Each structure stands twice: as structure tokens, then as C-alpha cells.
């Protein structure tokens, strides 16, 4: 999660909503579920929606796309996605589609969370794949980055309004 937080800070510095994500690959023996190799970070990303003018420019979406490129596979079944904010429906859907093993996130998203808050994409038994979800890792630190970012943004808007009055 420390690396995801670094990515979130990079997003904030670029004027993006401060969300960061990291994908860790840990090959597992299917029979014994024992690791075959040491876990390794294969991708990391931060939000780029504004920069790229891309509605799919979410941190975890970009990190999963890069992880697929690195592994040369669409399945990320031996991967954990670490993200500072609970994934939205789009990103949780991509986690389902890529067959991730696990999602670990920091802050819950009361407005769009799809991995435990508003929806349970990760555990929906109607779908052909479920994945583990771990909530609240470094939650306060993740939430504080978002609070500070939006407080600063609201402050800039208020200052701009006063200047035009």
C-alpha cells in the first residue's frame, strides 16, 4: 500500500484525484496454493483522467492494463491489486474480468464503492469469478489524501469566485 500511496501523491501533484494503484504478481501452485516465486510489483499507476482526457483513466484500471501487458496475458489470477480508494463499478468489473485473486484497498468510497460499500462485485455469486477483498489498509492515510485534495480544490474555487465578484 505504501507504493499505491506514492502513486496517489503523484496524482495529486499532477492535479488529478489522488488515487494510486499497484499490481503484485505472486505465482501460485494451483494444487497446493503455495507460492512458486517471490511476490513482485509488476505495475503501478495513478489517476490520469484529466491528463489523458480518458474516462477509463482510473489508477487501478491503468495498473491492470499494464500488468496484463507485462504478463502477456489477460488473466491476472495470481495478482493482487492494491489501491488507495475502493474500486468503482468499472474497476471492480475489470478485476472480475481479469480474474484477479485479491483487491486490497484503503478508504471506502461512499459514493461509488463496488467492493463492499454500494456493491459487492467481488463476492457476487451470480458472476463466474469472485475475488478476495481486504478493506481499510492504511485507511486514514488514504482518506486524508482525498480530503486534503478536495478541500484545496474547494478553496481555489471559492477564491476564484471572490475575484470575479
N, C-alpha and C. Protein backbone atom coordinates (compact mmCIF):
# COMPACT_ATOMS: atom_id res chain seq x y z
N UNK A 1 0.83 -1.20 0.00
CA UNK A 1 0.00 0.00 0.00
C UNK A 1 0.87 1.25 0.00
N UNK A 2 2.07 1.14 0.52
CA UNK A 2 2.97 2.30 0.52
C UNK A 2 3.23 2.78 -0.91
N UNK A 3 3.42 1.87 -1.83
CA UNK A 3 3.65 2.25 -3.23
C UNK A 3 2.41 2.86 -3.85
N UNK A 4 1.24 2.34 -3.51
CA UNK A 4 -0.01 2.93 -4.01
C UNK A 4 -0.18 4.35 -3.48
N UNK A 5 0.19 4.57 -2.24
CA UNK A 5 0.13 5.93 -1.68
C UNK A 5 1.10 6.87 -2.38
N UNK A 6 2.29 6.37 -2.74
CA UNK A 6 3.23 7.19 -3.52
C UNK A 6 2.58 7.60 -4.84
N UNK A 7 1.92 6.65 -5.48
CA UNK A 7 1.25 6.95 -6.75
C UNK A 7 0.12 7.97 -6.54
N UNK A 8 -0.60 7.84 -5.45
CA UNK A 8 -1.68 8.79 -5.16
C UNK A 8 -1.13 10.21 -4.99
N UNK A 9 0.01 10.31 -4.32
CA UNK A 9 0.64 11.63 -4.15
C UNK A 9 1.09 12.19 -5.50
N UNK A 10 1.57 11.33 -6.37
CA UNK A 10 1.97 11.77 -7.72
C UNK A 10 0.74 12.27 -8.49
N UNK A 11 -0.39 11.61 -8.31
CA UNK A 11 -1.63 12.05 -8.96
C UNK A 11 -2.00 13.45 -8.47
N UNK A 12 -1.95 13.65 -7.16
CA UNK A 12 -2.30 14.96 -6.60
C UNK A 12 -1.37 16.04 -7.14
N UNK A 13 -0.09 15.74 -7.23
CA UNK A 13 0.88 16.71 -7.74
C UNK A 13 0.59 17.08 -9.20
N UNK A 14 -0.04 16.16 -9.92
CA UNK A 14 -0.38 16.40 -11.33
C UNK A 14 -1.77 17.01 -11.48
N UNK A 15 -2.43 17.30 -10.36
CA UNK A 15 -3.77 17.88 -10.42
C UNK A 15 -4.87 16.85 -10.61
N UNK A 16 -4.53 15.59 -10.42
CA UNK A 16 -5.50 14.50 -10.55
C UNK A 16 -6.03 14.13 -9.16
N UNK A 17 -7.20 13.52 -9.11
CA UNK A 17 -7.71 12.99 -7.85
C UNK A 17 -6.67 11.99 -7.33
N UNK A 18 -6.24 12.14 -6.08
CA UNK A 18 -5.13 11.33 -5.56
C UNK A 18 -5.48 9.88 -5.26
N UNK A 19 -5.47 9.09 -6.30
CA UNK A 19 -5.70 7.65 -6.17
C UNK A 19 -4.53 6.96 -6.86
N UNK A 20 -3.97 5.98 -6.16
CA UNK A 20 -2.86 5.21 -6.71
C UNK A 20 -3.13 3.72 -6.60
N UNK A 21 -2.50 2.97 -7.50
CA UNK A 21 -2.69 1.51 -7.51
C UNK A 21 -1.40 0.80 -7.88
N UNK A 22 -1.28 -0.41 -7.38
CA UNK A 22 -0.12 -1.26 -7.64
C UNK A 22 -0.64 -2.68 -7.85
N UNK A 23 -0.06 -3.39 -8.82
CA UNK A 23 -0.40 -4.80 -9.02
C UNK A 23 0.82 -5.64 -8.65
N UNK A 24 0.60 -6.60 -7.76
CA UNK A 24 1.66 -7.51 -7.31
C UNK A 24 1.34 -8.91 -7.84
N UNK A 25 2.34 -9.51 -8.48
CA UNK A 25 2.20 -10.85 -9.04
C UNK A 25 2.85 -11.85 -8.10
N UNK A 26 2.11 -12.89 -7.74
CA UNK A 26 2.63 -13.95 -6.89
C UNK A 26 2.17 -15.29 -7.48
N UNK A 27 2.99 -15.86 -8.36
CA UNK A 27 2.60 -17.15 -8.96
C UNK A 27 2.36 -18.21 -7.91
N UNK A 28 1.25 -18.92 -8.04
CA UNK A 28 0.87 -19.94 -7.07
C UNK A 28 0.72 -21.30 -7.74
N UNK A 29 1.07 -22.33 -7.02
CA UNK A 29 0.80 -23.69 -7.45
C UNK A 29 -0.71 -23.91 -7.29
N UNK A 30 -1.39 -24.28 -8.36
CA UNK A 30 -2.86 -24.42 -8.32
C UNK A 30 -3.31 -25.51 -7.34
N UNK A 31 -2.55 -26.57 -7.24
CA UNK A 31 -2.94 -27.68 -6.36
C UNK A 31 -2.74 -27.37 -4.89
N UNK A 32 -1.57 -26.89 -4.53
CA UNK A 32 -1.24 -26.67 -3.12
C UNK A 32 -1.51 -25.25 -2.65
N UNK A 33 -1.71 -24.33 -3.60
CA UNK A 33 -1.88 -22.89 -3.32
C UNK A 33 -0.66 -22.32 -2.60
N UNK A 34 0.49 -22.92 -2.86
CA UNK A 34 1.75 -22.41 -2.31
C UNK A 34 2.43 -21.54 -3.35
N UNK A 35 3.14 -20.50 -2.88
CA UNK A 35 3.83 -19.62 -3.82
C UNK A 35 4.92 -20.37 -4.60
N UNK A 36 5.02 -20.06 -5.88
CA UNK A 36 6.06 -20.62 -6.73
C UNK A 36 7.26 -19.68 -6.85
N UNK A 37 7.04 -18.42 -6.52
CA UNK A 37 8.09 -17.41 -6.62
C UNK A 37 7.77 -16.29 -5.64
N UNK A 38 8.76 -15.44 -5.41
CA UNK A 38 8.56 -14.28 -4.54
C UNK A 38 7.57 -13.31 -5.21
N UNK A 39 6.71 -12.68 -4.42
CA UNK A 39 5.81 -11.67 -4.99
C UNK A 39 6.64 -10.52 -5.58
N UNK A 40 6.16 -9.96 -6.70
CA UNK A 40 6.86 -8.81 -7.27
C UNK A 40 5.86 -7.82 -7.84
N UNK A 41 6.20 -6.55 -7.70
CA UNK A 41 5.38 -5.49 -8.27
C UNK A 41 5.58 -5.52 -9.78
N UNK A 42 4.49 -5.64 -10.52
CA UNK A 42 4.61 -5.67 -11.98
C UNK A 42 4.05 -4.42 -12.64
N UNK A 43 3.27 -3.63 -11.89
CA UNK A 43 2.80 -2.36 -12.44
C UNK A 43 2.34 -1.46 -11.33
N UNK A 44 2.36 -0.19 -11.63
CA UNK A 44 1.85 0.82 -10.72
C UNK A 44 1.35 1.98 -11.55
N UNK A 45 0.34 2.67 -11.03
CA UNK A 45 -0.25 3.78 -11.79
C UNK A 45 -1.01 4.70 -10.84
N UNK A 46 -1.32 5.87 -11.34
CA UNK A 46 -2.19 6.78 -10.61
C UNK A 46 -3.23 7.32 -11.58
N UNK A 47 -4.25 7.96 -11.02
CA UNK A 47 -5.31 8.51 -11.86
C UNK A 47 -4.73 9.42 -12.93
N UNK A 48 -5.28 9.31 -14.14
CA UNK A 48 -4.86 10.15 -15.26
C UNK A 48 -6.07 10.60 -16.10
N UNK A 49 -7.24 10.62 -15.51
CA UNK A 49 -8.44 11.00 -16.27
C UNK A 49 -8.33 12.39 -16.86
N UNK A 50 -7.92 13.36 -16.06
CA UNK A 50 -7.82 14.74 -16.54
C UNK A 50 -6.67 14.88 -17.54
N UNK A 51 -5.53 14.33 -17.20
CA UNK A 51 -4.33 14.45 -18.04
C UNK A 51 -4.57 13.85 -19.42
N UNK A 52 -5.14 12.64 -19.45
CA UNK A 52 -5.34 11.93 -20.71
C UNK A 52 -6.71 12.17 -21.33
N UNK A 53 -7.57 12.89 -20.60
CA UNK A 53 -8.96 13.09 -21.02
C UNK A 53 -9.60 11.74 -21.37
N UNK A 54 -9.44 10.81 -20.43
CA UNK A 54 -9.85 9.42 -20.62
C UNK A 54 -10.74 8.99 -19.46
N UNK A 55 -12.00 8.68 -19.71
CA UNK A 55 -12.88 8.27 -18.61
C UNK A 55 -12.44 6.97 -17.95
N UNK A 56 -11.62 6.18 -18.63
CA UNK A 56 -11.11 4.93 -18.05
C UNK A 56 -9.74 5.14 -17.39
N UNK A 57 -9.32 6.38 -17.21
CA UNK A 57 -8.01 6.67 -16.66
C UNK A 57 -7.91 6.52 -15.15
N UNK A 58 -8.59 5.54 -14.60
CA UNK A 58 -8.52 5.27 -13.16
C UNK A 58 -7.23 4.52 -12.85
N UNK A 59 -6.68 4.76 -11.68
CA UNK A 59 -5.39 4.18 -11.28
C UNK A 59 -5.37 2.66 -11.42
N UNK A 60 -6.36 1.99 -10.84
CA UNK A 60 -6.35 0.52 -10.87
C UNK A 60 -6.58 -0.02 -12.27
N UNK A 61 -7.39 0.67 -13.06
CA UNK A 61 -7.64 0.25 -14.44
C UNK A 61 -6.33 0.30 -15.23
N UNK A 62 -5.61 1.42 -15.10
CA UNK A 62 -4.33 1.57 -15.81
C UNK A 62 -3.30 0.55 -15.32
N UNK A 63 -3.26 0.32 -14.02
CA UNK A 63 -2.30 -0.64 -13.46
C UNK A 63 -2.61 -2.06 -13.94
N UNK A 64 -3.89 -2.42 -14.03
CA UNK A 64 -4.24 -3.77 -14.50
C UNK A 64 -3.93 -3.94 -15.99
N UNK A 65 -4.16 -2.89 -16.77
CA UNK A 65 -3.81 -2.98 -18.20
C UNK A 65 -2.31 -3.19 -18.37
N UNK A 66 -1.52 -2.46 -17.59
CA UNK A 66 -0.06 -2.61 -17.68
C UNK A 66 0.37 -3.99 -17.18
N UNK A 67 -0.25 -4.48 -16.13
CA UNK A 67 0.07 -5.82 -15.62
C UNK A 67 -0.21 -6.88 -16.69
N UNK A 68 -1.30 -6.74 -17.40
CA UNK A 68 -1.62 -7.68 -18.48
C UNK A 68 -0.56 -7.63 -19.57
N UNK A 69 -0.11 -6.42 -19.87
CA UNK A 69 0.95 -6.27 -20.88
C UNK A 69 2.24 -6.94 -20.40
N UNK A 70 2.61 -6.71 -19.15
CA UNK A 70 3.84 -7.28 -18.60
C UNK A 70 3.77 -8.81 -18.60
N UNK A 71 2.63 -9.36 -18.21
CA UNK A 71 2.48 -10.82 -18.15
C UNK A 71 2.12 -11.43 -19.51
N UNK A 72 1.80 -10.57 -20.48
CA UNK A 72 1.36 -11.03 -21.81
C UNK A 72 0.18 -11.99 -21.67
N UNK A 73 -0.78 -11.57 -20.84
CA UNK A 73 -1.96 -12.39 -20.59
C UNK A 73 -3.10 -11.49 -20.10
N UNK A 74 -4.32 -11.88 -20.42
CA UNK A 74 -5.44 -11.09 -19.92
C UNK A 74 -5.86 -11.53 -18.52
N UNK A 75 -5.48 -12.73 -18.15
CA UNK A 75 -5.81 -13.22 -16.80
C UNK A 75 -4.75 -12.75 -15.80
N UNK A 76 -5.22 -12.20 -14.71
CA UNK A 76 -4.33 -11.76 -13.63
C UNK A 76 -4.62 -12.59 -12.37
N UNK A 77 -4.82 -13.88 -12.57
CA UNK A 77 -5.29 -14.74 -11.49
C UNK A 77 -4.30 -14.92 -10.35
N UNK A 78 -3.04 -14.63 -10.56
CA UNK A 78 -2.05 -14.70 -9.49
C UNK A 78 -1.66 -13.30 -9.00
N UNK A 79 -2.58 -12.37 -9.12
CA UNK A 79 -2.26 -10.98 -8.80
C UNK A 79 -3.17 -10.41 -7.72
N UNK A 80 -2.58 -9.49 -6.97
CA UNK A 80 -3.32 -8.67 -6.01
C UNK A 80 -3.21 -7.22 -6.48
N UNK A 81 -4.35 -6.54 -6.48
CA UNK A 81 -4.39 -5.12 -6.81
C UNK A 81 -4.51 -4.35 -5.50
N UNK A 82 -3.55 -3.48 -5.24
CA UNK A 82 -3.58 -2.58 -4.09
C UNK A 82 -3.99 -1.22 -4.59
N UNK A 83 -5.01 -0.62 -3.97
CA UNK A 83 -5.49 0.68 -4.42
C UNK A 83 -5.91 1.51 -3.21
N UNK A 84 -5.67 2.80 -3.28
CA UNK A 84 -5.91 3.67 -2.13
C UNK A 84 -7.39 3.95 -1.88
N UNK A 85 -8.23 3.82 -2.90
CA UNK A 85 -9.67 4.05 -2.75
C UNK A 85 -10.41 2.84 -3.29
N UNK A 86 -11.47 2.46 -2.62
CA UNK A 86 -12.29 1.33 -3.06
C UNK A 86 -12.66 1.48 -4.54
N UNK A 87 -12.48 0.43 -5.31
CA UNK A 87 -12.78 0.50 -6.74
C UNK A 87 -14.26 0.78 -7.04
N UNK A 88 -14.46 1.49 -8.14
CA UNK A 88 -15.80 1.77 -8.65
C UNK A 88 -16.31 0.54 -9.42
N UNK A 89 -17.50 0.64 -9.96
CA UNK A 89 -18.08 -0.47 -10.71
C UNK A 89 -17.21 -0.85 -11.90
N UNK A 90 -16.71 0.13 -12.63
CA UNK A 90 -15.88 -0.15 -13.81
C UNK A 90 -14.63 -0.92 -13.41
N UNK A 91 -13.93 -0.46 -12.40
CA UNK A 91 -12.67 -1.09 -12.00
C UNK A 91 -12.90 -2.44 -11.33
N UNK A 92 -13.95 -2.55 -10.52
CA UNK A 92 -14.28 -3.85 -9.93
C UNK A 92 -14.67 -4.83 -11.03
N UNK A 93 -15.37 -4.33 -12.05
CA UNK A 93 -15.72 -5.17 -13.18
C UNK A 93 -14.49 -5.67 -13.92
N UNK A 94 -13.50 -4.80 -14.07
CA UNK A 94 -12.26 -5.23 -14.73
C UNK A 94 -11.52 -6.25 -13.86
N UNK A 95 -11.57 -6.07 -12.56
CA UNK A 95 -10.97 -7.06 -11.66
C UNK A 95 -11.64 -8.42 -11.85
N UNK A 96 -12.95 -8.40 -11.98
CA UNK A 96 -13.69 -9.64 -12.25
C UNK A 96 -13.26 -10.22 -13.59
N UNK A 97 -13.22 -9.40 -14.62
CA UNK A 97 -12.88 -9.87 -15.96
C UNK A 97 -11.46 -10.41 -16.06
N UNK A 98 -10.53 -9.81 -15.33
CA UNK A 98 -9.13 -10.28 -15.38
C UNK A 98 -8.86 -11.41 -14.40
N UNK A 99 -9.85 -11.74 -13.60
CA UNK A 99 -9.75 -12.85 -12.65
C UNK A 99 -8.70 -12.63 -11.56
N UNK A 100 -8.58 -11.36 -11.09
CA UNK A 100 -7.61 -11.10 -10.02
C UNK A 100 -7.92 -12.00 -8.83
N UNK A 101 -6.88 -12.28 -8.05
CA UNK A 101 -7.05 -13.10 -6.86
C UNK A 101 -7.58 -12.27 -5.70
N UNK A 102 -7.14 -10.99 -5.64
CA UNK A 102 -7.45 -10.20 -4.45
C UNK A 102 -7.36 -8.73 -4.76
N UNK A 103 -8.16 -7.95 -4.05
CA UNK A 103 -8.09 -6.49 -4.08
C UNK A 103 -7.93 -6.02 -2.64
N UNK A 104 -6.92 -5.20 -2.42
CA UNK A 104 -6.66 -4.62 -1.11
C UNK A 104 -6.81 -3.11 -1.28
N UNK A 105 -7.71 -2.51 -0.50
CA UNK A 105 -7.89 -1.06 -0.65
C UNK A 105 -7.87 -0.34 0.69
N UNK A 106 -7.60 0.96 0.59
CA UNK A 106 -7.51 1.80 1.77
C UNK A 106 -8.86 2.34 2.21
N UNK A 107 -9.28 3.43 1.60
CA UNK A 107 -10.50 4.12 2.01
C UNK A 107 -11.72 3.58 1.26
N UNK A 108 -12.82 3.46 1.98
CA UNK A 108 -14.10 3.10 1.36
C UNK A 108 -14.60 4.29 0.55
N UNK A 109 -15.35 4.00 -0.51
CA UNK A 109 -15.93 5.05 -1.34
C UNK A 109 -17.45 5.03 -1.17
N UNK A 110 -17.96 5.97 -0.37
CA UNK A 110 -19.39 6.02 -0.05
C UNK A 110 -20.25 6.38 -1.25
N UNK A 111 -19.66 6.96 -2.29
CA UNK A 111 -20.43 7.40 -3.45
C UNK A 111 -20.38 6.42 -4.62
N UNK A 112 -19.33 5.60 -4.71
CA UNK A 112 -19.20 4.73 -5.88
C UNK A 112 -18.54 3.38 -5.59
N UNK A 113 -18.35 3.04 -4.34
CA UNK A 113 -17.62 1.82 -4.00
C UNK A 113 -18.34 0.55 -4.42
N UNK A 114 -17.63 -0.30 -5.16
CA UNK A 114 -18.23 -1.52 -5.70
C UNK A 114 -17.59 -2.79 -5.15
N UNK A 115 -16.77 -2.65 -4.11
CA UNK A 115 -16.13 -3.82 -3.49
C UNK A 115 -16.45 -3.79 -1.99
N UNK A 116 -17.75 -3.68 -1.70
CA UNK A 116 -18.18 -3.77 -0.32
C UNK A 116 -19.05 -2.64 0.19
N UNK A 117 -18.99 -1.47 -0.41
CA UNK A 117 -19.78 -0.35 0.12
C UNK A 117 -21.15 -0.27 -0.54
N UNK A 118 -21.22 0.07 -1.82
CA UNK A 118 -22.51 0.13 -2.51
C UNK A 118 -22.84 -1.19 -3.21
N UNK A 119 -21.82 -1.83 -3.71
CA UNK A 119 -21.97 -3.09 -4.44
C UNK A 119 -20.92 -4.07 -3.93
N UNK A 120 -21.15 -5.34 -4.24
CA UNK A 120 -20.22 -6.40 -3.85
C UNK A 120 -19.81 -7.20 -5.08
N UNK A 121 -19.27 -6.52 -6.07
CA UNK A 121 -18.86 -7.18 -7.32
C UNK A 121 -17.92 -8.35 -7.01
N UNK A 122 -17.03 -8.17 -6.07
CA UNK A 122 -16.03 -9.19 -5.75
C UNK A 122 -16.64 -10.50 -5.22
N UNK A 123 -17.84 -10.43 -4.64
CA UNK A 123 -18.43 -11.59 -3.98
C UNK A 123 -19.75 -12.02 -4.60
N UNK A 124 -20.11 -11.45 -5.73
CA UNK A 124 -21.40 -11.76 -6.35
C UNK A 124 -21.36 -13.17 -6.94
N UNK A 125 -22.10 -14.08 -6.35
CA UNK A 125 -22.08 -15.48 -6.78
C UNK A 125 -22.75 -15.71 -8.12
N UNK A 126 -23.46 -14.70 -8.64
CA UNK A 126 -24.04 -14.82 -9.98
C UNK A 126 -22.98 -14.71 -11.06
N UNK A 127 -21.83 -14.16 -10.70
CA UNK A 127 -20.72 -14.00 -11.64
C UNK A 127 -19.84 -15.24 -11.62
N UNK A 128 -19.10 -15.43 -12.69
CA UNK A 128 -18.27 -16.65 -12.80
C UNK A 128 -16.93 -16.54 -12.10
N UNK A 129 -16.65 -15.44 -11.45
CA UNK A 129 -15.40 -15.30 -10.70
C UNK A 129 -15.64 -14.39 -9.50
N UNK A 130 -15.17 -14.81 -8.34
CA UNK A 130 -15.18 -13.97 -7.16
C UNK A 130 -13.72 -13.79 -6.74
N UNK A 131 -13.45 -12.70 -6.06
CA UNK A 131 -12.09 -12.46 -5.57
C UNK A 131 -12.15 -11.92 -4.15
N UNK A 132 -11.08 -12.16 -3.45
CA UNK A 132 -10.97 -11.71 -2.07
C UNK A 132 -10.85 -10.19 -2.02
N UNK A 133 -11.45 -9.59 -1.01
CA UNK A 133 -11.32 -8.15 -0.80
C UNK A 133 -10.85 -7.91 0.64
N UNK A 134 -9.85 -7.05 0.78
CA UNK A 134 -9.35 -6.65 2.09
C UNK A 134 -9.53 -5.15 2.17
N UNK A 135 -10.28 -4.71 3.15
CA UNK A 135 -10.65 -3.30 3.27
C UNK A 135 -9.86 -2.60 4.38
N UNK A 136 -9.71 -1.30 4.24
CA UNK A 136 -9.23 -0.48 5.34
C UNK A 136 -7.73 -0.49 5.61
N UNK A 137 -6.92 -0.91 4.65
CA UNK A 137 -5.47 -0.91 4.85
C UNK A 137 -4.95 0.53 4.71
N UNK A 138 -4.38 1.03 5.78
CA UNK A 138 -3.90 2.43 5.85
C UNK A 138 -5.03 3.39 5.48
N UNK A 139 -6.20 3.05 5.93
CA UNK A 139 -7.42 3.77 5.58
C UNK A 139 -7.35 5.27 5.85
N UNK A 140 -6.94 5.64 7.04
CA UNK A 140 -6.93 7.06 7.40
C UNK A 140 -5.99 7.85 6.50
N UNK A 141 -4.82 7.30 6.23
CA UNK A 141 -3.86 7.97 5.36
C UNK A 141 -4.41 8.14 3.95
N UNK A 142 -5.06 7.11 3.44
CA UNK A 142 -5.66 7.18 2.10
C UNK A 142 -6.78 8.21 2.07
N UNK A 143 -7.64 8.19 3.08
CA UNK A 143 -8.77 9.12 3.14
C UNK A 143 -8.29 10.56 3.31
N UNK A 144 -7.25 10.75 4.10
CA UNK A 144 -6.73 12.10 4.32
C UNK A 144 -6.21 12.74 3.04
N UNK A 145 -5.55 11.95 2.21
CA UNK A 145 -5.08 12.48 0.91
C UNK A 145 -6.25 13.02 0.10
N UNK A 146 -7.33 12.27 0.07
CA UNK A 146 -8.51 12.69 -0.68
C UNK A 146 -9.16 13.93 -0.06
N UNK A 147 -9.32 13.92 1.26
CA UNK A 147 -9.92 15.08 1.95
C UNK A 147 -9.11 16.34 1.69
N UNK A 148 -7.80 16.25 1.84
CA UNK A 148 -6.94 17.42 1.64
C UNK A 148 -7.01 17.93 0.20
N UNK A 149 -7.02 17.01 -0.75
CA UNK A 149 -7.09 17.38 -2.16
C UNK A 149 -8.38 18.15 -2.45
N UNK A 150 -9.52 17.61 -2.02
CA UNK A 150 -10.79 18.26 -2.31
C UNK A 150 -10.99 19.54 -1.51
N UNK A 151 -10.45 19.61 -0.31
CA UNK A 151 -10.52 20.86 0.46
C UNK A 151 -9.74 21.95 -0.26
N UNK A 152 -8.56 21.62 -0.77
CA UNK A 152 -7.76 22.60 -1.50
C UNK A 152 -8.48 23.03 -2.78
N UNK A 153 -9.11 22.09 -3.45
CA UNK A 153 -9.83 22.41 -4.69
C UNK A 153 -11.01 23.34 -4.40
N UNK A 154 -11.75 23.05 -3.32
CA UNK A 154 -12.87 23.92 -2.95
C UNK A 154 -12.37 25.31 -2.59
N UNK A 155 -11.22 25.38 -1.91
CA UNK A 155 -10.64 26.67 -1.55
C UNK A 155 -10.26 27.48 -2.77
N UNK A 156 -9.71 26.85 -3.79
CA UNK A 156 -9.35 27.55 -5.03
C UNK A 156 -10.59 28.08 -5.74
N UNK A 157 -11.66 27.28 -5.75
CA UNK A 157 -12.90 27.72 -6.40
C UNK A 157 -13.50 28.91 -5.67
N UNK A 158 -13.47 28.87 -4.35
CA UNK A 158 -14.01 29.99 -3.57
C UNK A 158 -13.21 31.25 -3.83
N UNK A 159 -11.89 31.13 -3.90
CA UNK A 159 -11.04 32.30 -4.17
C UNK A 159 -11.31 32.86 -5.57
N UNK A 160 -11.51 32.00 -6.53
CA UNK A 160 -11.80 32.43 -7.90
C UNK A 160 -13.12 33.15 -7.97
N UNK A 161 -14.14 32.66 -7.26
CA UNK A 161 -15.45 33.32 -7.24
C UNK A 161 -15.35 34.72 -6.65
N UNK A 162 -14.58 34.87 -5.56
CA UNK A 162 -14.44 36.18 -4.93
C UNK A 162 -13.76 37.16 -5.87
N UNK A 163 -12.79 36.69 -6.65
CA UNK A 163 -12.08 37.56 -7.59
C UNK A 163 -13.00 38.07 -8.70
N UNK A 164 -13.98 37.26 -9.10
CA UNK A 164 -14.88 37.66 -10.19
C UNK A 164 -16.06 38.48 -9.72
N UNK A 165 -16.26 38.57 -8.42
CA UNK A 165 -17.40 39.34 -7.90
C UNK A 165 -17.15 40.82 -7.92
